[in-house]
Amino acid sequence: MLNGKRIIIAGAGPGTGSATAYLALVNGASVAIIARNEARLNALKAELSRYGRIEAIKGDLSTAKGAVFGFYDCL
């Protein structure tokens, strides 16, 4: 269903963000996870990388500078 789609998941900490990333990956999407906590971000990337292509980006989407990324299909 999500094959070939690129999805950004903001607030990719424990809970809803990590579950959403997992579901997107197992359904064929490439995922970029974004959060302010780099340690949690890297741990989540390591945990989910076996399910598909995942990129971890340390960032804060509450600022204009933090919200500038490449093209994605879904946020």
Protein backbone atom coordinates (compact mmCIF):
# COMPACT_ATOMS: atom_id res chain seq x y z
CA MET A 1 0.00 0.00 0.00
CA LEU A 2 2.85 2.42 0.78
CA ASN A 3 5.42 0.97 -1.62
CA GLY A 4 7.65 3.71 -2.99
CA LYS A 5 6.25 6.43 -0.72
CA ARG A 6 8.51 8.64 1.39
CA ILE A 7 7.13 9.59 4.78
CA ILE A 8 8.38 11.95 7.49
CA ILE A 9 7.41 11.07 11.04
CA ALA A 10 7.86 14.01 13.38
CA GLY A 11 8.12 13.45 17.10
CA ALA A 12 9.48 9.97 16.55
CA GLY A 13 9.95 9.07 20.17
CA PRO A 14 8.51 6.14 22.05
CA GLY A 15 4.83 5.48 21.55
CA THR A 16 2.82 6.70 18.58
CA GLY A 17 5.80 7.98 16.56
CA SER A 18 7.73 4.71 16.71
CA ALA A 19 4.60 2.64 16.05
CA THR A 20 3.76 4.78 13.02
CA ALA A 21 7.32 4.43 11.70
CA TYR A 22 7.14 0.65 12.11
CA LEU A 23 3.80 0.39 10.30
CA ALA A 24 5.00 2.59 7.44
CA LEU A 25 8.18 0.53 7.02
CA VAL A 26 6.48 -2.87 7.01
CA ASN A 27 4.04 -1.53 4.42
CA GLY A 28 6.83 -0.56 2.03
CA ALA A 29 7.50 3.13 2.72
CA SER A 30 10.87 4.80 3.15
CA VAL A 31 10.76 6.69 6.43
CA ALA A 32 12.52 9.72 7.87
CA ILE A 33 12.10 10.00 11.62
CA ILE A 34 12.60 13.40 13.21
CA ALA A 35 13.02 14.27 16.87
CA ARG A 36 15.03 16.55 19.10
CA ASN A 37 16.57 13.75 21.18
CA GLU A 38 19.41 12.31 19.11
CA ALA A 39 20.06 9.31 21.37
CA ARG A 40 16.44 8.12 21.15
CA LEU A 41 16.41 8.82 17.43
CA ASN A 42 19.47 6.66 16.79
CA ALA A 43 18.14 3.87 19.03
CA LEU A 44 14.83 3.85 17.14
CA LYS A 45 16.62 3.84 13.79
CA ALA A 46 18.73 0.86 14.89
CA GLU A 47 15.63 -0.97 16.12
CA LEU A 48 13.57 -0.39 12.95
CA SER A 49 16.23 -0.54 10.22
CA ARG A 50 15.64 -4.27 9.68
CA TYR A 51 12.14 -3.47 8.37
CA GLY A 52 13.13 -1.09 5.60
CA ARG A 53 14.87 2.14 4.63
CA ILE A 54 14.89 4.55 7.54
CA GLU A 55 16.70 7.84 8.06
CA ALA A 56 17.09 9.66 11.39
CA ILE A 57 17.16 13.47 11.43
CA LYS A 58 17.75 15.47 14.59
CA GLY A 59 15.50 18.49 14.29
CA ASP A 60 12.85 20.73 15.74
CA LEU A 61 9.86 21.30 13.48
CA SER A 62 8.59 24.15 15.62
CA THR A 63 11.02 26.47 13.82
CA ALA A 64 11.07 27.44 10.14
CA LYS A 65 14.73 26.41 9.88
CA GLY A 66 13.97 22.99 11.32
CA ALA A 67 11.09 22.40 8.92
CA VAL A 68 13.09 22.54 5.68
CA PHE A 69 13.57 19.08 4.17
CA GLY A 70 13.50 17.49 0.74
CA PHE A 71 10.40 16.19 -0.99
CA TYR A 72 8.29 13.64 0.86
CA ASP A 73 4.89 12.16 0.07
CA CYS A 74 3.44 12.43 3.57
CA LEU A 75 4.12 14.15 6.89
